[in-house]
Amino acid sequence: MLTLRQMRYFDALATTRHFGRAAEMVHISQPALSVQIMEMEEYLGAKLIERMRTNTMLTQKGEEVLLHVRAILQQVDLLEQTARKGGGPLEGLIRIGIIPTVAPYLVPQFIPHLRRTYPSVDVELKEAMTDRLMADLSAGRLDAVIAALPLDIEGINTRPLFTDRFYMAVAENGENVLLSPLTENEVNVDRLLLLEEGHCLRDQALAVCSASKRSLVNFGATSMATLLQMVSHDMGMTLIPEMAIATETSRNSIRIVPFAEPQPSREIGLAWRRSSHRAKEMDALAGAIIAASPVARDAAA
């Protein structure tokens, strides 16, 4: 008999195209995943996976089966959500994705506030870059995503949450002497440090500083924390969002320089599937995020 567990394993494998990464995603061993996929193939009487040395591909039949599997899983998730719901706007499981340049600075305030406000809610968080989160949202593996707008993706609704202004971070006693307020022409792009490819904040920094990729050293940090540690050792300068300032200045020897008006910024927003019909829940979730975010509260004040 074909099981929901096998379908979830197959969905994970189709997403990652790699047995090891798929096994990590569904929290089982790689051999166990392989056995479940083979049993699924045997039951359906068709080869679904083309196994190669470094990765996997779906066969034509596998691609056809995947469409049905994802439709079934989406309906099962909807059934589970309906069964858990009671009278409150947020109850039961909600799976939220959040980008890495927001998560460390929002989650410590947001999750405690959400649980105090909606004690019946059960939260699962996933931190990843925007493209991965939006793929998971579209496939039904996430219920909502907190990311930088715009997100122009078919079938996805978005709602702005708050504006997060950008500042420049330099070493406290470093060689960079920047006047305040700062204009983009005063930024030495040769010393501009960036996050690795795939982070939306990297592209935003390039746009703010009017820098081309050709003018930059081929280096990308994996996190904002790593970038600011480098800045504190006077290895360069970097763009820092307002929501990160309080946390990062408390643990790094950095100086924050504001930009001249109009200050550059990013818009942080909430995204969810239009087909999920969860607009009221998303309104409640958005309200909790805004109430928990110091940047949003300061803007409102």
C-alpha atoms as a PDB file:
ATOM      1  CA  MET A   1       0.000   0.000   0.000  1.00  0.00           C
ATOM      2  CA  LEU A   2       1.211   3.503  -0.822  1.00  0.00           C
ATOM      3  CA  THR A   3       1.617   5.601   2.340  1.00  0.00           C
ATOM      4  CA  LEU A   4       1.677   9.315   3.110  1.00  0.00           C
ATOM      5  CA  ARG A   5       5.125   8.828   4.599  1.00  0.00           C
ATOM      6  CA  GLN A   6       6.439   7.459   1.309  1.00  0.00           C
ATOM      7  CA  MET A   7       4.881  10.369  -0.565  1.00  0.00           C
ATOM      8  CA  ARG A   8       6.550  12.884   1.776  1.00  0.00           C
ATOM      9  CA  TYR A   9       9.888  11.115   1.298  1.00  0.00           C
ATOM     10  CA  PHE A  10       9.434  11.144  -2.473  1.00  0.00           C
ATOM     11  CA  ASP A  11       8.543  14.843  -2.364  1.00  0.00           C
ATOM     12  CA  ALA A  12      11.712  15.594  -0.377  1.00  0.00           C
ATOM     13  CA  LEU A  13      13.827  13.612  -2.848  1.00  0.00           C
ATOM     14  CA  ALA A  14      12.215  15.366  -5.806  1.00  0.00           C
ATOM     15  CA  THR A  15      12.965  18.716  -4.165  1.00  0.00           C
ATOM     16  CA  THR A  16      16.619  18.076  -3.310  1.00  0.00           C
ATOM     17  CA  ARG A  17      17.493  15.588  -6.090  1.00  0.00           C
ATOM     18  CA  HIS A  18      19.893  14.019  -3.586  1.00  0.00           C
ATOM     19  CA  PHE A  19      19.281  11.060  -1.251  1.00  0.00           C
ATOM     20  CA  GLY A  20      21.479  12.402   1.546  1.00  0.00           C
ATOM     21  CA  ARG A  21      19.917  15.874   1.626  1.00  0.00           C
ATOM     22  CA  ALA A  22      16.416  14.425   1.307  1.00  0.00           C
ATOM     23  CA  ALA A  23      17.070  12.103   4.258  1.00  0.00           C
ATOM     24  CA  GLU A  24      18.192  15.089   6.346  1.00  0.00           C
ATOM     25  CA  MET A  25      15.067  17.014   5.364  1.00  0.00           C
ATOM     26  CA  VAL A  26      12.716  14.267   6.586  1.00  0.00           C
ATOM     27  CA  HIS A  27      14.916  13.255   9.550  1.00  0.00           C
ATOM     28  CA  ILE A  28      15.625   9.621   8.630  1.00  0.00           C
ATOM     29  CA  SER A  29      18.727   7.727   7.508  1.00  0.00           C
ATOM     30  CA  GLN A  30      19.663   7.617   3.844  1.00  0.00           C
ATOM     31  CA  PRO A  31      19.291   3.794   3.615  1.00  0.00           C
ATOM     32  CA  ALA A  32      15.810   3.994   5.162  1.00  0.00           C
ATOM     33  CA  LEU A  33      14.792   6.643   2.637  1.00  0.00           C
ATOM     34  CA  SER A  34      16.133   4.534  -0.227  1.00  0.00           C
ATOM     35  CA  VAL A  35      14.132   1.500   0.952  1.00  0.00           C
ATOM     36  CA  GLN A  36      10.912   3.539   1.148  1.00  0.00           C
ATOM     37  CA  ILE A  37      11.406   4.923  -2.362  1.00  0.00           C
ATOM     38  CA  MET A  38      12.063   1.434  -3.753  1.00  0.00           C
ATOM     39  CA  GLU A  39       8.926   0.117  -2.047  1.00  0.00           C
ATOM     40  CA  MET A  40       6.978   2.986  -3.583  1.00  0.00           C
ATOM     41  CA  GLU A  41       8.354   2.156  -7.027  1.00  0.00           C
ATOM     42  CA  GLU A  42       7.536  -1.524  -6.549  1.00  0.00           C
ATOM     43  CA  TYR A  43       3.963  -0.771  -5.493  1.00  0.00           C
ATOM     44  CA  LEU A  44       3.374   1.566  -8.467  1.00  0.00           C
ATOM     45  CA  GLY A  45       5.159  -0.741 -10.869  1.00  0.00           C
ATOM     46  CA  ALA A  46       7.272   2.039 -12.334  1.00  0.00           C
ATOM     47  CA  LYS A  47      10.742   3.533 -11.965  1.00  0.00           C
ATOM     48  CA  LEU A  48      10.400   6.996 -10.484  1.00  0.00           C
ATOM     49  CA  ILE A  49      14.057   7.840  -9.851  1.00  0.00           C
ATOM     50  CA  GLU A  50      17.091   7.726 -12.110  1.00  0.00           C
ATOM     51  CA  ARG A  51      19.994   7.119  -9.752  1.00  0.00           C
ATOM     52  CA  MET A  52      23.375   8.648 -10.626  1.00  0.00           C
ATOM     53  CA  ARG A  53      26.691   8.844  -8.806  1.00  0.00           C
ATOM     54  CA  THR A  54      26.337  12.363  -7.380  1.00  0.00           C
ATOM     55  CA  ASN A  55      22.610  13.077  -7.582  1.00  0.00           C
ATOM     56  CA  THR A  56      19.275  11.814  -8.864  1.00  0.00           C
ATOM     57  CA  MET A  57      16.781  12.693 -11.574  1.00  0.00           C
ATOM     58  CA  LEU A  58      13.095  11.973 -11.872  1.00  0.00           C
ATOM     59  CA  THR A  59      12.027   9.756 -14.719  1.00  0.00           C
ATOM     60  CA  GLN A  60       9.182  10.906 -16.928  1.00  0.00           C
ATOM     61  CA  LYS A  61       6.850   8.733 -14.872  1.00  0.00           C
ATOM     62  CA  GLY A  62       8.363  10.202 -11.714  1.00  0.00           C
ATOM     63  CA  GLU A  63       7.526  13.730 -12.880  1.00  0.00           C
ATOM     64  CA  GLU A  64       3.922  12.664 -13.519  1.00  0.00           C
ATOM     65  CA  VAL A  65       3.638  10.986 -10.114  1.00  0.00           C
ATOM     66  CA  LEU A  66       5.143  14.033  -8.391  1.00  0.00           C
ATOM     67  CA  LEU A  67       2.295  16.273  -9.555  1.00  0.00           C
ATOM     68  CA  HIS A  68      -0.258  13.934  -7.978  1.00  0.00           C
ATOM     69  CA  VAL A  69       1.807  13.428  -4.819  1.00  0.00           C
ATOM     70  CA  ARG A  70       2.131  17.158  -4.158  1.00  0.00           C
ATOM     71  CA  ALA A  71      -1.579  17.714  -4.764  1.00  0.00           C
ATOM     72  CA  ILE A  72      -2.397  14.944  -2.279  1.00  0.00           C
ATOM     73  CA  LEU A  73       0.032  16.274   0.342  1.00  0.00           C
ATOM     74  CA  GLN A  74      -1.381  19.771   0.024  1.00  0.00           C
ATOM     75  CA  GLN A  75      -4.888  18.454   0.635  1.00  0.00           C
ATOM     76  CA  VAL A  76      -3.709  16.388   3.610  1.00  0.00           C
ATOM     77  CA  ASP A  77      -2.038  19.459   5.115  1.00  0.00           C
ATOM     78  CA  LEU A  78      -5.246  21.437   4.614  1.00  0.00           C
ATOM     79  CA  LEU A  79      -7.237  18.654   6.312  1.00  0.00           C
ATOM     80  CA  GLU A  80      -4.852  18.660   9.290  1.00  0.00           C
ATOM     81  CA  GLN A  81      -5.066  22.438   9.605  1.00  0.00           C
ATOM     82  CA  THR A  82      -8.868  22.323   9.486  1.00  0.00           C
ATOM     83  CA  ALA A  83      -9.004  19.624  12.158  1.00  0.00           C
ATOM     84  CA  ARG A  84      -6.741  21.606  14.491  1.00  0.00           C
ATOM     85  CA  LYS A  85      -8.557  24.903  14.148  1.00  0.00           C
ATOM     86  CA  GLY A  86     -10.874  26.069  16.884  1.00  0.00           C
ATOM     87  CA  GLY A  87     -12.296  29.462  17.634  1.00  0.00           C
ATOM     88  CA  GLY A  88      -9.064  31.484  17.715  1.00  0.00           C
ATOM     89  CA  PRO A  89      -7.380  33.201  14.742  1.00  0.00           C
ATOM     90  CA  LEU A  90      -4.144  31.225  15.265  1.00  0.00           C
ATOM     91  CA  GLU A  91      -4.291  27.667  16.545  1.00  0.00           C
ATOM     92  CA  GLY A  92      -2.521  24.421  15.745  1.00  0.00           C
ATOM     93  CA  LEU A  93       0.583  24.074  13.593  1.00  0.00           C
ATOM     94  CA  ILE A  94       1.916  26.929  11.487  1.00  0.00           C
ATOM     95  CA  ARG A  95       5.127  26.495   9.524  1.00  0.00           C
ATOM     96  CA  ILE A  96       7.012  29.724   8.961  1.00  0.00           C
ATOM     97  CA  GLY A  97      10.042  30.340   6.772  1.00  0.00           C
ATOM     98  CA  ILE A  98      12.321  33.295   7.471  1.00  0.00           C
ATOM     99  CA  ILE A  99      15.380  34.665   5.693  1.00  0.00           C
ATOM    100  CA  PRO A 100      18.779  34.595   7.494  1.00  0.00           C
ATOM    101  CA  THR A 101      19.194  38.383   7.634  1.00  0.00           C
ATOM    102  CA  VAL A 102      15.921  38.687   9.573  1.00  0.00           C
ATOM    103  CA  ALA A 103      15.705  35.515  11.667  1.00  0.00           C
ATOM    104  CA  PRO A 104      18.378  36.219  14.353  1.00  0.00           C
ATOM    105  CA  TYR A 105      16.977  39.676  15.058  1.00  0.00           C
ATOM    106  CA  LEU A 106      13.238  38.972  14.933  1.00  0.00           C
ATOM    107  CA  VAL A 107      12.785  35.430  16.291  1.00  0.00           C
ATOM    108  CA  PRO A 108      13.933  36.103  19.912  1.00  0.00           C
ATOM    109  CA  GLN A 109      11.143  38.670  20.332  1.00  0.00           C
ATOM    110  CA  PHE A 110       8.572  37.256  17.922  1.00  0.00           C
ATOM    111  CA  ILE A 111       8.231  33.644  19.111  1.00  0.00           C
ATOM    112  CA  PRO A 112       7.718  34.442  22.841  1.00  0.00           C
ATOM    113  CA  HIS A 113       5.219  37.155  21.898  1.00  0.00           C
ATOM    114  CA  LEU A 114       3.342  34.808  19.542  1.00  0.00           C
ATOM    115  CA  ARG A 115       3.079  32.091  22.188  1.00  0.00           C
ATOM    116  CA  ARG A 116       1.876  34.549  24.829  1.00  0.00           C
ATOM    117  CA  THR A 117      -0.724  35.992  22.477  1.00  0.00           C
ATOM    118  CA  TYR A 118      -1.853  32.691  20.934  1.00  0.00           C
ATOM    119  CA  PRO A 119      -1.064  29.920  23.445  1.00  0.00           C
ATOM    120  CA  SER A 120      -2.698  27.238  21.252  1.00  0.00           C
ATOM    121  CA  VAL A 121      -0.364  27.834  18.321  1.00  0.00           C
ATOM    122  CA  ASP A 122       2.433  25.387  17.501  1.00  0.00           C
ATOM    123  CA  VAL A 123       5.249  26.963  15.480  1.00  0.00           C
ATOM    124  CA  GLU A 124       7.807  25.342  13.186  1.00  0.00           C
ATOM    125  CA  LEU A 125      10.535  27.643  11.845  1.00  0.00           C
ATOM    126  CA  LYS A 126      12.780  27.191   8.830  1.00  0.00           C
ATOM    127  CA  GLU A 127      15.646  29.573   8.057  1.00  0.00           C
ATOM    128  CA  ALA A 128      16.817  29.637   4.442  1.00  0.00           C
ATOM    129  CA  MET A 129      17.369  31.993   1.539  1.00  0.00           C
ATOM    130  CA  THR A 130      14.395  33.458  -0.273  1.00  0.00           C
ATOM    131  CA  ASP A 131      14.368  31.187  -3.331  1.00  0.00           C
ATOM    132  CA  ARG A 132      14.335  28.032  -1.218  1.00  0.00           C
ATOM    133  CA  LEU A 133      11.647  29.353   1.112  1.00  0.00           C
ATOM    134  CA  MET A 134       9.378  30.416  -1.729  1.00  0.00           C
ATOM    135  CA  ALA A 135       9.755  27.004  -3.390  1.00  0.00           C
ATOM    136  CA  ASP A 136       8.735  25.354  -0.104  1.00  0.00           C
ATOM    137  CA  LEU A 137       5.824  27.768   0.283  1.00  0.00           C
ATOM    138  CA  SER A 138       4.549  27.096  -3.237  1.00  0.00           C
ATOM    139  CA  ALA A 139       4.873  23.332  -2.689  1.00  0.00           C
ATOM    140  CA  GLY A 140       2.912  23.454   0.574  1.00  0.00           C
ATOM    141  CA  ARG A 141       5.830  22.642   2.880  1.00  0.00           C
ATOM    142  CA  LEU A 142       5.526  26.063   4.531  1.00  0.00           C
ATOM    143  CA  ASP A 143       2.452  28.094   5.455  1.00  0.00           C
ATOM    144  CA  ALA A 144       4.060  31.547   5.472  1.00  0.00           C
ATOM    145  CA  VAL A 145       7.371  33.233   4.699  1.00  0.00           C
ATOM    146  CA  ILE A 146       8.933  36.358   6.194  1.00  0.00           C
ATOM    147  CA  ALA A 147      11.238  37.912   3.590  1.00  0.00           C
ATOM    148  CA  ALA A 148      12.191  41.123   1.819  1.00  0.00           C
ATOM    149  CA  LEU A 149       9.661  42.424  -0.707  1.00  0.00           C
ATOM    150  CA  PRO A 150       8.847  42.461  -3.558  1.00  0.00           C
ATOM    151  CA  LEU A 151       8.067  38.774  -4.148  1.00  0.00           C
ATOM    152  CA  ASP A 152       6.450  38.610  -7.548  1.00  0.00           C
ATOM    153  CA  ILE A 153       5.497  34.927  -7.651  1.00  0.00           C
ATOM    154  CA  GLU A 154       2.332  33.497  -9.179  1.00  0.00           C
ATOM    155  CA  GLY A 155      -0.231  32.332  -6.649  1.00  0.00           C
ATOM    156  CA  ILE A 156       1.433  34.093  -3.694  1.00  0.00           C
ATOM    157  CA  ASN A 157      -0.109  36.899  -1.635  1.00  0.00           C
ATOM    158  CA  THR A 158       2.129  39.346   0.240  1.00  0.00           C
ATOM    159  CA  ARG A 159       1.626  41.945   2.935  1.00  0.00           C
ATOM    160  CA  PRO A 160       4.182  44.600   4.007  1.00  0.00           C
ATOM    161  CA  LEU A 161       5.146  44.415   7.684  1.00  0.00           C
ATOM    162  CA  PHE A 162       7.706  47.159   8.323  1.00  0.00           C
ATOM    163  CA  THR A 163      10.456  49.212   6.717  1.00  0.00           C
ATOM    164  CA  ASP A 164      14.016  48.305   7.760  1.00  0.00           C
ATOM    165  CA  ARG A 165      16.477  51.129   7.090  1.00  0.00           C
ATOM    166  CA  PHE A 166      20.090  50.502   6.051  1.00  0.00           C
ATOM    167  CA  TYR A 167      23.200  51.906   7.733  1.00  0.00           C
ATOM    168  CA  MET A 168      26.913  51.440   7.110  1.00  0.00           C
ATOM    169  CA  ALA A 169      28.994  49.520   9.669  1.00  0.00           C
ATOM    170  CA  VAL A 170      32.718  50.249  10.023  1.00  0.00           C
ATOM    171  CA  ALA A 171      35.345  49.313  12.610  1.00  0.00           C
ATOM    172  CA  GLU A 172      35.223  51.398  15.790  1.00  0.00           C
ATOM    173  CA  ASN A 173      38.848  52.463  15.415  1.00  0.00           C
ATOM    174  CA  GLY A 174      39.364  51.578  11.781  1.00  0.00           C
ATOM    175  CA  GLU A 175      40.954  53.344   8.841  1.00  0.00           C
ATOM    176  CA  ASN A 176      37.637  54.318   7.256  1.00  0.00           C
ATOM    177  CA  VAL A 177      36.652  57.860   8.205  1.00  0.00           C
ATOM    178  CA  LEU A 178      33.094  58.328   7.011  1.00  0.00           C
ATOM    179  CA  LEU A 179      31.162  61.548   7.377  1.00  0.00           C
ATOM    180  CA  SER A 180      27.660  61.363   8.794  1.00  0.00           C
ATOM    181  CA  PRO A 181      25.214  61.367   7.103  1.00  0.00           C
ATOM    182  CA  LEU A 182      26.780  59.216   4.416  1.00  0.00           C
ATOM    183  CA  THR A 183      26.151  59.396   0.680  1.00  0.00           C
ATOM    184  CA  GLU A 184      26.632  56.452  -1.648  1.00  0.00           C
ATOM    185  CA  ASN A 185      29.522  58.248  -3.416  1.00  0.00           C
ATOM    186  CA  GLU A 186      31.534  58.177  -0.166  1.00  0.00           C
ATOM    187  CA  VAL A 187      31.483  54.377   0.072  1.00  0.00           C
ATOM    188  CA  ASN A 188      34.764  52.746  -0.918  1.00  0.00           C
ATOM    189  CA  VAL A 189      33.414  49.774  -2.859  1.00  0.00           C
ATOM    190  CA  ASP A 190      36.850  48.149  -2.790  1.00  0.00           C
ATOM    191  CA  ARG A 191      36.340  47.625   0.955  1.00  0.00           C
ATOM    192  CA  LEU A 192      32.674  46.676   0.774  1.00  0.00           C
ATOM    193  CA  LEU A 193      32.023  43.243   2.282  1.00  0.00           C
ATOM    194  CA  LEU A 194      29.002  41.259   1.112  1.00  0.00           C
ATOM    195  CA  LEU A 195      27.025  38.160   1.896  1.00  0.00           C
ATOM    196  CA  GLU A 196      27.424  35.225  -0.473  1.00  0.00           C
ATOM    197  CA  GLU A 197      25.414  34.884  -3.680  1.00  0.00           C
ATOM    198  CA  GLY A 198      21.746  34.117  -3.108  1.00  0.00           C
ATOM    199  CA  HIS A 199      21.185  36.488  -0.175  1.00  0.00           C
ATOM    200  CA  CYS A 200      18.838  39.308  -1.143  1.00  0.00           C
ATOM    201  CA  LEU A 201      20.804  41.660   1.144  1.00  0.00           C
ATOM    202  CA  ARG A 202      23.832  41.208  -1.147  1.00  0.00           C
ATOM    203  CA  ASP A 203      21.902  42.593  -4.116  1.00  0.00           C
ATOM    204  CA  GLN A 204      20.471  45.381  -1.982  1.00  0.00           C
ATOM    205  CA  ALA A 205      23.973  46.390  -0.873  1.00  0.00           C
ATOM    206  CA  LEU A 206      25.158  46.490  -4.476  1.00  0.00           C
ATOM    207  CA  ALA A 207      22.206  48.687  -5.406  1.00  0.00           C
ATOM    208  CA  VAL A 208      22.636  51.071  -2.455  1.00  0.00           C
ATOM    209  CA  CYS A 209      26.357  51.524  -3.087  1.00  0.00           C
ATOM    210  CA  SER A 210      26.032  51.664  -6.885  1.00  0.00           C
ATOM    211  CA  ALA A 211      28.652  48.925  -7.176  1.00  0.00           C
ATOM    212  CA  SER A 212      29.014  46.369  -9.919  1.00  0.00           C
ATOM    213  CA  LYS A 213      29.975  42.790  -9.185  1.00  0.00           C
ATOM    214  CA  ARG A 214      33.160  43.306 -11.229  1.00  0.00           C
ATOM    215  CA  SER A 215      34.386  45.979  -8.825  1.00  0.00           C
ATOM    216  CA  LEU A 216      34.238  43.713  -5.779  1.00  0.00           C
ATOM    217  CA  VAL A 217      36.579  41.176  -4.264  1.00  0.00           C
ATOM    218  CA  ASN A 218      35.289  37.664  -4.930  1.00  0.00           C
ATOM    219  CA  PHE A 219      34.264  36.973  -1.338  1.00  0.00           C
ATOM    220  CA  GLY A 220      30.923  36.262   0.268  1.00  0.00           C
ATOM    221  CA  ALA A 221      30.191  35.593   3.936  1.00  0.00           C
ATOM    222  CA  THR A 222      27.546  33.104   4.978  1.00  0.00           C
ATOM    223  CA  SER A 223      25.950  35.289   7.651  1.00  0.00           C
ATOM    224  CA  MET A 224      25.575  38.841   8.868  1.00  0.00           C
ATOM    225  CA  ALA A 225      27.364  37.862  12.097  1.00  0.00           C
ATOM    226  CA  THR A 226      30.443  36.770  10.118  1.00  0.00           C
ATOM    227  CA  LEU A 227      30.462  39.976   8.085  1.00  0.00           C
ATOM    228  CA  LEU A 228      30.334  42.170  11.174  1.00  0.00           C
ATOM    229  CA  GLN A 229      33.108  40.248  12.903  1.00  0.00           C
ATOM    230  CA  MET A 230      35.247  40.986   9.855  1.00  0.00           C
ATOM    231  CA  VAL A 231      34.231  44.631   9.966  1.00  0.00           C
ATOM    232  CA  SER A 232      35.161  44.866  13.658  1.00  0.00           C
ATOM    233  CA  HIS A 233      38.679  43.697  12.696  1.00  0.00           C
ATOM    234  CA  ASP A 234      38.847  46.473  10.085  1.00  0.00           C
ATOM    235  CA  MET A 235      38.746  44.126   7.098  1.00  0.00           C
ATOM    236  CA  GLY A 236      36.197  46.337   5.369  1.00  0.00           C
ATOM    237  CA  MET A 237      32.745  47.852   5.745  1.00  0.00           C
ATOM    238  CA  THR A 238      29.270  46.476   5.198  1.00  0.00           C
ATOM    239  CA  LEU A 239      25.630  47.415   4.990  1.00  0.00           C
ATOM    240  CA  ILE A 240      23.695  46.646   8.183  1.00  0.00           C
ATOM    241  CA  PRO A 241      19.893  46.642   8.522  1.00  0.00           C
ATOM    242  CA  GLU A 242      18.426  48.679  11.375  1.00  0.00           C
ATOM    243  CA  MET A 243      16.914  45.596  13.029  1.00  0.00           C
ATOM    244  CA  ALA A 244      20.412  44.104  13.480  1.00  0.00           C
ATOM    245  CA  ILE A 245      22.072  47.128  15.069  1.00  0.00           C
ATOM    246  CA  ALA A 246      21.210  46.579  18.738  1.00  0.00           C
ATOM    247  CA  THR A 247      22.324  42.937  18.690  1.00  0.00           C
ATOM    248  CA  GLU A 248      25.467  43.366  16.620  1.00  0.00           C
ATOM    249  CA  THR A 249      26.813  46.525  18.292  1.00  0.00           C
ATOM    250  CA  SER A 250      26.581  44.753  21.656  1.00  0.00           C
ATOM    251  CA  ARG A 251      29.029  42.042  20.538  1.00  0.00           C
ATOM    252  CA  ASN A 252      31.216  43.761  17.923  1.00  0.00           C
ATOM    253  CA  SER A 253      33.469  46.831  18.021  1.00  0.00           C
ATOM    254  CA  ILE A 254      31.730  48.615  15.180  1.00  0.00           C
ATOM    255  CA  ARG A 255      30.522  52.141  14.480  1.00  0.00           C
ATOM    256  CA  ILE A 256      27.192  52.749  12.746  1.00  0.00           C
ATOM    257  CA  VAL A 257      27.019  55.525  10.154  1.00  0.00           C
ATOM    258  CA  PRO A 258      23.602  56.645   8.852  1.00  0.00           C
ATOM    259  CA  PHE A 259      22.967  57.489   5.209  1.00  0.00           C
ATOM    260  CA  ALA A 260      21.733  60.875   4.050  1.00  0.00           C
ATOM    261  CA  GLU A 261      18.051  61.262   3.254  1.00  0.00           C
ATOM    262  CA  PRO A 262      16.323  59.582   1.616  1.00  0.00           C
ATOM    263  CA  GLN A 263      17.760  56.701   3.624  1.00  0.00           C
ATOM    264  CA  PRO A 264      17.985  53.405   1.746  1.00  0.00           C
ATOM    265  CA  SER A 265      15.872  50.625   3.180  1.00  0.00           C
ATOM    266  CA  ARG A 266      14.218  47.284   2.552  1.00  0.00           C
ATOM    267  CA  GLU A 267      10.586  46.337   3.046  1.00  0.00           C
ATOM    268  CA  ILE A 268      10.043  43.210   5.146  1.00  0.00           C
ATOM    269  CA  GLY A 269       6.824  41.404   4.361  1.00  0.00           C
ATOM    270  CA  LEU A 270       4.771  38.267   4.884  1.00  0.00           C
ATOM    271  CA  ALA A 271       3.944  35.859   2.049  1.00  0.00           C
ATOM    272  CA  TRP A 272       1.442  33.008   1.865  1.00  0.00           C
ATOM    273  CA  ARG A 273      -0.314  30.917  -0.782  1.00  0.00           C
ATOM    274  CA  ARG A 274      -3.442  32.503  -2.218  1.00  0.00           C
ATOM    275  CA  SER A 275      -5.005  29.048  -2.521  1.00  0.00           C
ATOM    276  CA  SER A 276      -4.689  28.373   1.228  1.00  0.00           C
ATOM    277  CA  HIS A 277      -7.565  30.775   2.068  1.00  0.00           C
ATOM    278  CA  ARG A 278      -5.841  31.737   5.326  1.00  0.00           C
ATOM    279  CA  ALA A 279      -6.030  35.523   5.023  1.00  0.00           C
ATOM    280  CA  LYS A 280      -7.453  35.982   8.552  1.00  0.00           C
ATOM    281  CA  GLU A 281      -4.710  33.820  10.063  1.00  0.00           C
ATOM    282  CA  MET A 282      -2.091  35.747   8.109  1.00  0.00           C
ATOM    283  CA  ASP A 283      -3.546  39.020   9.400  1.00  0.00           C
ATOM    284  CA  ALA A 284      -3.147  37.720  12.958  1.00  0.00           C
ATOM    285  CA  LEU A 285       0.373  36.504  12.238  1.00  0.00           C
ATOM    286  CA  ALA A 286       1.342  39.828  10.662  1.00  0.00           C
ATOM    287  CA  GLY A 287       0.000  41.672  13.694  1.00  0.00           C
ATOM    288  CA  ALA A 288       2.104  39.526  16.007  1.00  0.00           C
ATOM    289  CA  ILE A 289       5.252  40.137  13.939  1.00  0.00           C
ATOM    290  CA  ILE A 290       4.706  43.896  13.913  1.00  0.00           C
ATOM    291  CA  ALA A 291       3.993  43.979  17.656  1.00  0.00           C
ATOM    292  CA  ALA A 292       7.170  41.995  18.402  1.00  0.00           C
ATOM    293  CA  SER A 293       9.546  43.900  16.109  1.00  0.00           C
ATOM    294  CA  PRO A 294      11.358  46.867  17.711  1.00  0.00           C
ATOM    295  CA  VAL A 295      11.855  48.421  14.252  1.00  0.00           C
ATOM    296  CA  ALA A 296       8.124  48.266  13.512  1.00  0.00           C
ATOM    297  CA  ARG A 297       7.236  49.613  16.982  1.00  0.00           C
ATOM    298  CA  ASP A 298       9.679  52.519  16.646  1.00  0.00           C
ATOM    299  CA  ALA A 299       8.276  53.380  13.220  1.00  0.00           C
ATOM    300  CA  ALA A 300       4.723  53.351  14.579  1.00  0.00           C
ATOM    301  CA  ALA A 301       5.734  55.578  17.485  1.00  0.00           C
END
